[in-house]
Amino acid sequence: MTEVEVIEICREAILVMLRIVGPVLLVGLTVGVLISLVQTMTQIQEMTLTFIPKVVLVFAVTIWLLPFMMSILGGFTKTLTDRIVIIGMTN
């Protein structure tokens, strides 16, 4: 395995991670900003008001997107194992 192959695998792993985690992080960010705006407008500074909806929505989105996440991760794993088999056959 050459350095170029290792760098390519690492690059693909980072892209897969971003594709899996990105939607969940965007939902958490959006909910946090919206709740902060509501808190600022109403001047209610309650910590549970920011924490509970964010946790519930991030959990719900994670469960909803789990099949998508698993298909992305499964495809990456299959590609990675195919590369390992090909490298093992050439050595």
PDB file of N, CA and C in Angstrom:
ATOM      1  N   MET A   1       0.850  -1.166   0.000  1.00  0.00           N
ATOM      2  CA  MET A   1       0.000   0.000   0.000  1.00  0.00           C
ATOM      3  C   MET A   1       0.899   1.232   0.000  1.00  0.00           C
ATOM      4  N   THR A   2       0.649   2.124  -0.947  1.00  0.00           N
ATOM      5  CA  THR A   2       1.476   3.314  -1.060  1.00  0.00           C
ATOM      6  C   THR A   2       0.899   4.449  -0.220  1.00  0.00           C
ATOM      7  N   GLU A   3       1.685   5.498  -0.107  1.00  0.00           N
ATOM      8  CA  GLU A   3       1.235   6.669   0.653  1.00  0.00           C
ATOM      9  C   GLU A   3       0.021   7.315  -0.004  1.00  0.00           C
ATOM     10  N   VAL A   4      -0.026   7.296  -1.312  1.00  0.00           N
ATOM     11  CA  VAL A   4      -1.157   7.889  -2.034  1.00  0.00           C
ATOM     12  C   VAL A   4      -2.448   7.136  -1.716  1.00  0.00           C
ATOM     13  N   GLU A   5      -2.384   5.819  -1.660  1.00  0.00           N
ATOM     14  CA  GLU A   5      -3.566   5.026  -1.329  1.00  0.00           C
ATOM     15  C   GLU A   5      -4.041   5.295   0.093  1.00  0.00           C
ATOM     16  N   VAL A   6      -3.107   5.410   1.019  1.00  0.00           N
ATOM     17  CA  VAL A   6      -3.461   5.694   2.415  1.00  0.00           C
ATOM     18  C   VAL A   6      -4.123   7.061   2.527  1.00  0.00           C
ATOM     19  N   ILE A   7      -3.570   8.050   1.847  1.00  0.00           N
ATOM     20  CA  ILE A   7      -4.152   9.398   1.882  1.00  0.00           C
ATOM     21  C   ILE A   7      -5.540   9.399   1.252  1.00  0.00           C
ATOM     22  N   GLU A   8      -5.720   8.655   0.177  1.00  0.00           N
ATOM     23  CA  GLU A   8      -7.026   8.562  -0.470  1.00  0.00           C
ATOM     24  C   GLU A   8      -8.053   7.914   0.447  1.00  0.00           C
ATOM     25  N   ILE A   9      -7.669   6.854   1.150  1.00  0.00           N
ATOM     26  CA  ILE A   9      -8.584   6.197   2.085  1.00  0.00           C
ATOM     27  C   ILE A   9      -8.957   7.143   3.224  1.00  0.00           C
ATOM     28  N   CYS A  10      -7.987   7.874   3.736  1.00  0.00           N
ATOM     29  CA  CYS A  10      -8.261   8.833   4.815  1.00  0.00           C
ATOM     30  C   CYS A  10      -9.186   9.942   4.336  1.00  0.00           C
ATOM     31  N   ARG A  11      -8.969  10.410   3.113  1.00  0.00           N
ATOM     32  CA  ARG A  11      -9.826  11.457   2.555  1.00  0.00           C
ATOM     33  C   ARG A  11     -11.260  10.959   2.409  1.00  0.00           C
ATOM     34  N   GLU A  12     -11.418   9.744   1.893  1.00  0.00           N
ATOM     35  CA  GLU A  12     -12.755   9.170   1.757  1.00  0.00           C
ATOM     36  C   GLU A  12     -13.413   8.959   3.119  1.00  0.00           C
ATOM     37  N   ALA A  13     -12.640   8.557   4.123  1.00  0.00           N
ATOM     38  CA  ALA A  13     -13.193   8.356   5.463  1.00  0.00           C
ATOM     39  C   ALA A  13     -13.708   9.672   6.050  1.00  0.00           C
ATOM     40  N   ILE A  14     -12.970  10.753   5.814  1.00  0.00           N
ATOM     41  CA  ILE A  14     -13.412  12.059   6.315  1.00  0.00           C
ATOM     42  C   ILE A  14     -14.687  12.493   5.600  1.00  0.00           C
ATOM     43  N   LEU A  15     -14.759  12.282   4.293  1.00  0.00           N
ATOM     44  CA  LEU A  15     -15.968  12.649   3.551  1.00  0.00           C
ATOM     45  C   LEU A  15     -17.170  11.820   3.991  1.00  0.00           C
ATOM     46  N   VAL A  16     -16.961  10.537   4.252  1.00  0.00           N
ATOM     47  CA  VAL A  16     -18.050   9.684   4.739  1.00  0.00           C
ATOM     48  C   VAL A  16     -18.520  10.170   6.109  1.00  0.00           C
ATOM     49  N   MET A  17     -17.577  10.519   6.972  1.00  0.00           N
ATOM     50  CA  MET A  17     -17.941  11.017   8.292  1.00  0.00           C
ATOM     51  C   MET A  17     -18.785  12.291   8.181  1.00  0.00           C
ATOM     52  N   LEU A  18     -18.387  13.204   7.287  1.00  0.00           N
ATOM     53  CA  LEU A  18     -19.139  14.443   7.112  1.00  0.00           C
ATOM     54  C   LEU A  18     -20.533  14.183   6.549  1.00  0.00           C
ATOM     55  N   ARG A  19     -20.650  13.221   5.639  1.00  0.00           N
ATOM     56  CA  ARG A  19     -21.962  12.888   5.085  1.00  0.00           C
ATOM     57  C   ARG A  19     -22.869  12.257   6.128  1.00  0.00           C
ATOM     58  N   ILE A  20     -22.298  11.509   7.055  1.00  0.00           N
ATOM     59  CA  ILE A  20     -23.106  10.850   8.083  1.00  0.00           C
ATOM     60  C   ILE A  20     -23.513  11.838   9.180  1.00  0.00           C
ATOM     61  N   VAL A  21     -22.588  12.646   9.628  1.00  0.00           N
ATOM     62  CA  VAL A  21     -22.833  13.511  10.785  1.00  0.00           C
ATOM     63  C   VAL A  21     -23.401  14.876  10.388  1.00  0.00           C
ATOM     64  N   GLY A  22     -23.164  15.294   9.168  1.00  0.00           N
ATOM     65  CA  GLY A  22     -23.565  16.631   8.729  1.00  0.00           C
ATOM     66  C   GLY A  22     -25.031  16.976   8.948  1.00  0.00           C
ATOM     67  N   PRO A  23     -25.969  16.142   8.487  1.00  0.00           N
ATOM     68  CA  PRO A  23     -27.387  16.487   8.689  1.00  0.00           C
ATOM     69  C   PRO A  23     -27.785  16.617  10.158  1.00  0.00           C
ATOM     70  N   VAL A  24     -27.243  15.758  10.999  1.00  0.00           N
ATOM     71  CA  VAL A  24     -27.584  15.805  12.429  1.00  0.00           C
ATOM     72  C   VAL A  24     -27.032  17.086  13.048  1.00  0.00           C
ATOM     73  N   LEU A  25     -25.811  17.448  12.688  1.00  0.00           N
ATOM     74  CA  LEU A  25     -25.233  18.686  13.216  1.00  0.00           C
ATOM     75  C   LEU A  25     -25.982  19.915  12.731  1.00  0.00           C
ATOM     76  N   LEU A  26     -26.425  19.899  11.473  1.00  0.00           N
ATOM     77  CA  LEU A  26     -27.190  21.028  10.955  1.00  0.00           C
ATOM     78  C   LEU A  26     -28.522  21.192  11.678  1.00  0.00           C
ATOM     79  N   VAL A  27     -29.166  20.085  12.004  1.00  0.00           N
ATOM     80  CA  VAL A  27     -30.423  20.166  12.761  1.00  0.00           C
ATOM     81  C   VAL A  27     -30.156  20.732  14.152  1.00  0.00           C
ATOM     82  N   GLY A  28     -29.114  20.258  14.813  1.00  0.00           N
ATOM     83  CA  GLY A  28     -28.772  20.789  16.139  1.00  0.00           C
ATOM     84  C   GLY A  28     -28.453  22.268  16.099  1.00  0.00           C
ATOM     85  N   LEU A  29     -27.721  22.691  15.084  1.00  0.00           N
ATOM     86  CA  LEU A  29     -27.381  24.107  14.934  1.00  0.00           C
ATOM     87  C   LEU A  29     -28.621  24.947  14.674  1.00  0.00           C
ATOM     88  N   THR A  30     -29.480  24.478  13.779  1.00  0.00           N
ATOM     89  CA  THR A  30     -30.691  25.229  13.440  1.00  0.00           C
ATOM     90  C   THR A  30     -31.621  25.358  14.641  1.00  0.00           C
ATOM     91  N   VAL A  31     -31.824  24.270  15.350  1.00  0.00           N
ATOM     92  CA  VAL A  31     -32.697  24.307  16.533  1.00  0.00           C
ATOM     93  C   VAL A  31     -32.107  25.229  17.595  1.00  0.00           C
ATOM     94  N   GLY A  32     -30.803  25.156  17.793  1.00  0.00           N
ATOM     95  CA  GLY A  32     -30.154  26.022  18.780  1.00  0.00           C
ATOM     96  C   GLY A  32     -30.315  27.496  18.454  1.00  0.00           C
ATOM     97  N   VAL A  33     -30.142  27.846  17.181  1.00  0.00           N
ATOM     98  CA  VAL A  33     -30.286  29.249  16.770  1.00  0.00           C
ATOM     99  C   VAL A  33     -31.731  29.712  16.919  1.00  0.00           C
ATOM    100  N   LEU A  34     -32.674  28.873  16.503  1.00  0.00           N
ATOM    101  CA  LEU A  34     -34.085  29.268  16.622  1.00  0.00           C
ATOM    102  C   LEU A  34     -34.508  29.446  18.080  1.00  0.00           C
ATOM    103  N   ILE A  35     -34.090  28.555  18.929  1.00  0.00           N
ATOM    104  CA  ILE A  35     -34.445  28.673  20.351  1.00  0.00           C
ATOM    105  C   ILE A  35     -33.764  29.886  20.963  1.00  0.00           C
ATOM    106  N   SER A  36     -32.542  30.171  20.564  1.00  0.00           N
ATOM    107  CA  SER A  36     -31.852  31.361  21.076  1.00  0.00           C
ATOM    108  C   SER A  36     -32.567  32.632  20.645  1.00  0.00           C
ATOM    109  N   LEU A  37     -33.065  32.650  19.412  1.00  0.00           N
ATOM    110  CA  LEU A  37     -33.825  33.814  18.954  1.00  0.00           C
ATOM    111  C   LEU A  37     -35.107  33.989  19.762  1.00  0.00           C
ATOM    112  N   VAL A  38     -35.804  32.893  20.020  1.00  0.00           N
ATOM    113  CA  VAL A  38     -37.035  32.969  20.827  1.00  0.00           C
ATOM    114  C   VAL A  38     -36.705  33.438  22.234  1.00  0.00           C
ATOM    115  N   GLN A  39     -35.619  32.922  22.814  1.00  0.00           N
ATOM    116  CA  GLN A  39     -35.229  33.348  24.158  1.00  0.00           C
ATOM    117  C   GLN A  39     -34.866  34.827  24.187  1.00  0.00           C
ATOM    118  N   THR A  40     -34.202  35.294  23.142  1.00  0.00           N
ATOM    119  CA  THR A  40     -33.814  36.698  23.103  1.00  0.00           C
ATOM    120  C   THR A  40     -35.034  37.592  22.981  1.00  0.00           C
ATOM    121  N   MET A  41     -35.988  37.188  22.153  1.00  0.00           N
ATOM    122  CA  MET A  41     -37.184  38.010  21.957  1.00  0.00           C
ATOM    123  C   MET A  41     -38.072  38.026  23.196  1.00  0.00           C
ATOM    124  N   THR A  42     -38.157  36.903  23.896  1.00  0.00           N
ATOM    125  CA  THR A  42     -39.035  36.838  25.064  1.00  0.00           C
ATOM    126  C   THR A  42     -38.294  37.096  26.371  1.00  0.00           C
ATOM    127  N   GLN A  43     -36.987  37.165  26.336  1.00  0.00           N
ATOM    128  CA  GLN A  43     -36.124  37.364  27.493  1.00  0.00           C
ATOM    129  C   GLN A  43     -36.326  36.288  28.565  1.00  0.00           C
ATOM    130  N   ILE A  44     -36.611  35.075  28.112  1.00  0.00           N
ATOM    131  CA  ILE A  44     -36.684  33.919  29.000  1.00  0.00           C
ATOM    132  C   ILE A  44     -35.344  33.205  28.912  1.00  0.00           C
ATOM    133  N   GLN A  45     -34.622  33.141  30.002  1.00  0.00           N
ATOM    134  CA  GLN A  45     -33.294  32.527  29.997  1.00  0.00           C
ATOM    135  C   GLN A  45     -33.308  31.233  30.819  1.00  0.00           C
ATOM    136  N   GLU A  46     -33.987  30.245  30.304  1.00  0.00           N
ATOM    137  CA  GLU A  46     -34.091  28.953  30.962  1.00  0.00           C
ATOM    138  C   GLU A  46     -33.201  27.956  30.232  1.00  0.00           C
ATOM    139  N   MET A  47     -32.310  27.276  30.944  1.00  0.00           N
ATOM    140  CA  MET A  47     -31.360  26.365  30.313  1.00  0.00           C
ATOM    141  C   MET A  47     -32.050  25.132  29.725  1.00  0.00           C
ATOM    142  N   THR A  48     -33.092  24.628  30.374  1.00  0.00           N
ATOM    143  CA  THR A  48     -33.762  23.437  29.848  1.00  0.00           C
ATOM    144  C   THR A  48     -34.498  23.745  28.557  1.00  0.00           C
ATOM    145  N   LEU A  49     -34.850  24.998  28.348  1.00  0.00           N
ATOM    146  CA  LEU A  49     -35.531  25.383  27.114  1.00  0.00           C
ATOM    147  C   LEU A  49     -34.622  25.193  25.905  1.00  0.00           C
ATOM    148  N   THR A  50     -33.327  25.329  26.073  1.00  0.00           N
ATOM    149  CA  THR A  50     -32.407  25.109  24.958  1.00  0.00           C
ATOM    150  C   THR A  50     -31.970  23.650  24.865  1.00  0.00           C
ATOM    151  N   PHE A  51     -31.846  22.995  25.986  1.00  0.00           N
ATOM    152  CA  PHE A  51     -31.270  21.653  26.009  1.00  0.00           C
ATOM    153  C   PHE A  51     -32.240  20.579  25.552  1.00  0.00           C
ATOM    154  N   ILE A  52     -33.429  20.555  26.095  1.00  0.00           N
ATOM    155  CA  ILE A  52     -34.369  19.452  25.845  1.00  0.00           C
ATOM    156  C   ILE A  52     -34.837  19.395  24.389  1.00  0.00           C
ATOM    157  N   PRO A  53     -35.293  20.492  23.781  1.00  0.00           N
ATOM    158  CA  PRO A  53     -35.719  20.372  22.370  1.00  0.00           C
ATOM    159  C   PRO A  53     -34.572  19.970  21.436  1.00  0.00           C
ATOM    160  N   LYS A  54     -33.382  20.468  21.715  1.00  0.00           N
ATOM    161  CA  LYS A  54     -32.244  20.125  20.869  1.00  0.00           C
ATOM    162  C   LYS A  54     -31.930  18.633  20.957  1.00  0.00           C
ATOM    163  N   VAL A  55     -31.913  18.091  22.161  1.00  0.00           N
ATOM    164  CA  VAL A  55     -31.626  16.663  22.341  1.00  0.00           C
ATOM    165  C   VAL A  55     -32.708  15.814  21.682  1.00  0.00           C
ATOM    166  N   VAL A  56     -33.964  16.197  21.862  1.00  0.00           N
ATOM    167  CA  VAL A  56     -35.069  15.413  21.298  1.00  0.00           C
ATOM    168  C   VAL A  56     -35.015  15.428  19.773  1.00  0.00           C
ATOM    169  N   LEU A  57     -34.808  16.599  19.185  1.00  0.00           N
ATOM    170  CA  LEU A  57     -34.782  16.682  17.730  1.00  0.00           C
ATOM    171  C   LEU A  57     -33.553  16.013  17.125  1.00  0.00           C
ATOM    172  N   VAL A  58     -32.413  16.140  17.748  1.00  0.00           N
ATOM    173  CA  VAL A  58     -31.212  15.466  17.244  1.00  0.00           C
ATOM    174  C   VAL A  58     -31.405  13.951  17.325  1.00  0.00           C
ATOM    175  N   PHE A  59     -31.985  13.463  18.405  1.00  0.00           N
ATOM    176  CA  PHE A  59     -32.254  12.031  18.531  1.00  0.00           C
ATOM    177  C   PHE A  59     -33.247  11.570  17.462  1.00  0.00           C
ATOM    178  N   ALA A  60     -34.313  12.350  17.245  1.00  0.00           N
ATOM    179  CA  ALA A  60     -35.322  11.982  16.247  1.00  0.00           C
ATOM    180  C   ALA A  60     -34.731  11.971  14.838  1.00  0.00           C
ATOM    181  N   VAL A  61     -33.924  12.953  14.511  1.00  0.00           N
ATOM    182  CA  VAL A  61     -33.305  13.006  13.181  1.00  0.00           C
ATOM    183  C   VAL A  61     -32.314  11.862  13.014  1.00  0.00           C
ATOM    184  N   THR A  62     -31.591  11.527  14.069  1.00  0.00           N
ATOM    185  CA  THR A  62     -30.649  10.405  13.990  1.00  0.00           C
ATOM    186  C   THR A  62     -31.393   9.104  13.720  1.00  0.00           C
ATOM    187  N   ILE A  63     -32.501   8.874  14.403  1.00  0.00           N
ATOM    188  CA  ILE A  63     -33.289   7.661  14.170  1.00  0.00           C
ATOM    189  C   ILE A  63     -33.881   7.674  12.768  1.00  0.00           C
ATOM    190  N   TRP A  64     -34.362   8.819  12.309  1.00  0.00           N
ATOM    191  CA  TRP A  64     -34.977   8.937  10.991  1.00  0.00           C
ATOM    192  C   TRP A  64     -33.957   8.701   9.872  1.00  0.00           C
ATOM    193  N   LEU A  65     -32.737   9.199  10.046  1.00  0.00           N
ATOM    194  CA  LEU A  65     -31.704   9.073   9.021  1.00  0.00           C
ATOM    195  C   LEU A  65     -30.816   7.839   9.187  1.00  0.00           C
ATOM    196  N   LEU A  66     -31.105   6.999  10.150  1.00  0.00           N
ATOM    197  CA  LEU A  66     -30.265   5.829  10.398  1.00  0.00           C
ATOM    198  C   LEU A  66     -30.114   4.910   9.184  1.00  0.00           C
ATOM    199  N   PRO A  67     -31.182   4.625   8.414  1.00  0.00           N
ATOM    200  CA  PRO A  67     -30.970   3.797   7.216  1.00  0.00           C
ATOM    201  C   PRO A  67     -30.016   4.446   6.209  1.00  0.00           C
ATOM    202  N   PHE A  68     -30.137   5.751   6.008  1.00  0.00           N
ATOM    203  CA  PHE A  68     -29.230   6.475   5.124  1.00  0.00           C
ATOM    204  C   PHE A  68     -27.795   6.396   5.630  1.00  0.00           C
ATOM    205  N   MET A  69     -27.614   6.608   6.918  1.00  0.00           N
ATOM    206  CA  MET A  69     -26.273   6.566   7.510  1.00  0.00           C
ATOM    207  C   MET A  69     -25.658   5.172   7.375  1.00  0.00           C
ATOM    208  N   MET A  70     -26.451   4.151   7.613  1.00  0.00           N
ATOM    209  CA  MET A  70     -25.935   2.787   7.525  1.00  0.00           C
ATOM    210  C   MET A  70     -25.592   2.402   6.088  1.00  0.00           C
ATOM    211  N   SER A  71     -26.357   2.890   5.116  1.00  0.00           N
ATOM    212  CA  SER A  71     -26.035   2.574   3.721  1.00  0.00           C
ATOM    213  C   SER A  71     -24.739   3.254   3.302  1.00  0.00           C
ATOM    214  N   ILE A  72     -24.531   4.499   3.741  1.00  0.00           N
ATOM    215  CA  ILE A  72     -23.279   5.197   3.431  1.00  0.00           C
ATOM    216  C   ILE A  72     -22.099   4.460   4.069  1.00  0.00           C
ATOM    217  N   LEU A  73     -22.243   4.122   5.333  1.00  0.00           N
ATOM    218  CA  LEU A  73     -21.165   3.430   6.040  1.00  0.00           C
ATOM    219  C   LEU A  73     -20.924   2.029   5.480  1.00  0.00           C
ATOM    220  N   GLY A  74     -21.992   1.339   5.104  1.00  0.00           N
ATOM    221  CA  GLY A  74     -21.843   0.015   4.508  1.00  0.00           C
ATOM    222  C   GLY A  74     -21.136   0.068   3.168  1.00  0.00           C
ATOM    223  N   GLY A  75     -21.460   1.081   2.351  1.00  0.00           N
ATOM    224  CA  GLY A  75     -20.780   1.239   1.068  1.00  0.00           C
ATOM    225  C   GLY A  75     -19.299   1.529   1.236  1.00  0.00           C
ATOM    226  N   PHE A  76     -18.980   2.378   2.209  1.00  0.00           N
ATOM    227  CA  PHE A  76     -17.573   2.684   2.471  1.00  0.00           C
ATOM    228  C   PHE A  76     -16.831   1.445   2.962  1.00  0.00           C
ATOM    229  N   THR A  77     -17.464   0.674   3.839  1.00  0.00           N
ATOM    230  CA  THR A  77     -16.834  -0.532   4.365  1.00  0.00           C
ATOM    231  C   THR A  77     -16.604  -1.553   3.254  1.00  0.00           C
ATOM    232  N   LYS A  78     -17.584  -1.702   2.364  1.00  0.00           N
ATOM    233  CA  LYS A  78     -17.429  -2.635   1.246  1.00  0.00           C
ATOM    234  C   LYS A  78     -16.284  -2.201   0.337  1.00  0.00           C
ATOM    235  N   THR A  79     -16.215  -0.914   0.033  1.00  0.00           N
ATOM    236  CA  THR A  79     -15.124  -0.403  -0.796  1.00  0.00           C
ATOM    237  C   THR A  79     -13.773  -0.636  -0.130  1.00  0.00           C
ATOM    238  N   LEU A  80     -13.724  -0.395   1.168  1.00  0.00           N
ATOM    239  CA  LEU A  80     -12.471  -0.562   1.904  1.00  0.00           C
ATOM    240  C   LEU A  80     -12.031  -2.030   1.934  1.00  0.00           C
ATOM    241  N   THR A  81     -12.976  -2.944   2.173  1.00  0.00           N
ATOM    242  CA  THR A  81     -12.608  -4.360   2.194  1.00  0.00           C
ATOM    243  C   THR A  81     -12.208  -4.853   0.803  1.00  0.00           C
ATOM    244  N   ASP A  82     -12.850  -4.329  -0.230  1.00  0.00           N
ATOM    245  CA  ASP A  82     -12.437  -4.686  -1.596  1.00  0.00           C
ATOM    246  C   ASP A  82     -11.006  -4.237  -1.867  1.00  0.00           C
ATOM    247  N   ARG A  83     -10.658  -3.050  -1.398  1.00  0.00           N
ATOM    248  CA  ARG A  83      -9.284  -2.569  -1.568  1.00  0.00           C
ATOM    249  C   ARG A  83      -8.291  -3.455  -0.823  1.00  0.00           C
ATOM    250  N   ILE A  84      -8.675  -3.892   0.369  1.00  0.00           N
ATOM    251  CA  ILE A  84      -7.779  -4.755   1.156  1.00  0.00           C
ATOM    252  C   ILE A  84      -7.561  -6.077   0.429  1.00  0.00           C
ATOM    253  N   VAL A  85      -8.621  -6.636  -0.143  1.00  0.00           N
ATOM    254  CA  VAL A  85      -8.496  -7.896  -0.863  1.00  0.00           C
ATOM    255  C   VAL A  85      -7.618  -7.713  -2.098  1.00  0.00           C
ATOM    256  N   ILE A  86      -7.806  -6.629  -2.833  1.00  0.00           N
ATOM    257  CA  ILE A  86      -7.008  -6.369  -4.030  1.00  0.00           C
ATOM    258  C   ILE A  86      -5.547  -6.174  -3.665  1.00  0.00           C
ATOM    259  N   ILE A  87      -5.271  -5.435  -2.597  1.00  0.00           N
ATOM    260  CA  ILE A  87      -3.895  -5.216  -2.171  1.00  0.00           C
ATOM    261  C   ILE A  87      -3.266  -6.528  -1.721  1.00  0.00           C
ATOM    262  N   GLY A  88      -4.041  -7.373  -1.039  1.00  0.00           N
ATOM    263  CA  GLY A  88      -3.517  -8.657  -0.577  1.00  0.00           C
ATOM    264  C   GLY A  88      -3.202  -9.590  -1.731  1.00  0.00           C
ATOM    265  N   MET A  89      -3.963  -9.496  -2.818  1.00  0.00           N
ATOM    266  CA  MET A  89      -3.727 -10.357  -3.971  1.00  0.00           C
ATOM    267  C   MET A  89      -2.507  -9.912  -4.769  1.00  0.00           C
ATOM    268  N   THR A  90      -2.190  -8.615  -4.748  1.00  0.00           N
ATOM    269  CA  THR A  90      -1.052  -8.139  -5.520  1.00  0.00           C
ATOM    270  C   THR A  90       0.271  -8.390  -4.807  1.00  0.00           C
ATOM    271  N   ASN A  91       0.229  -8.545  -3.481  1.00  0.00           N
ATOM    272  CA  ASN A  91       1.476  -8.779  -2.729  1.00  0.00           C
ATOM    273  C   ASN A  91       1.807 -10.191  -2.681  1.00  0.00           C
TER     274      ASN A  91
END
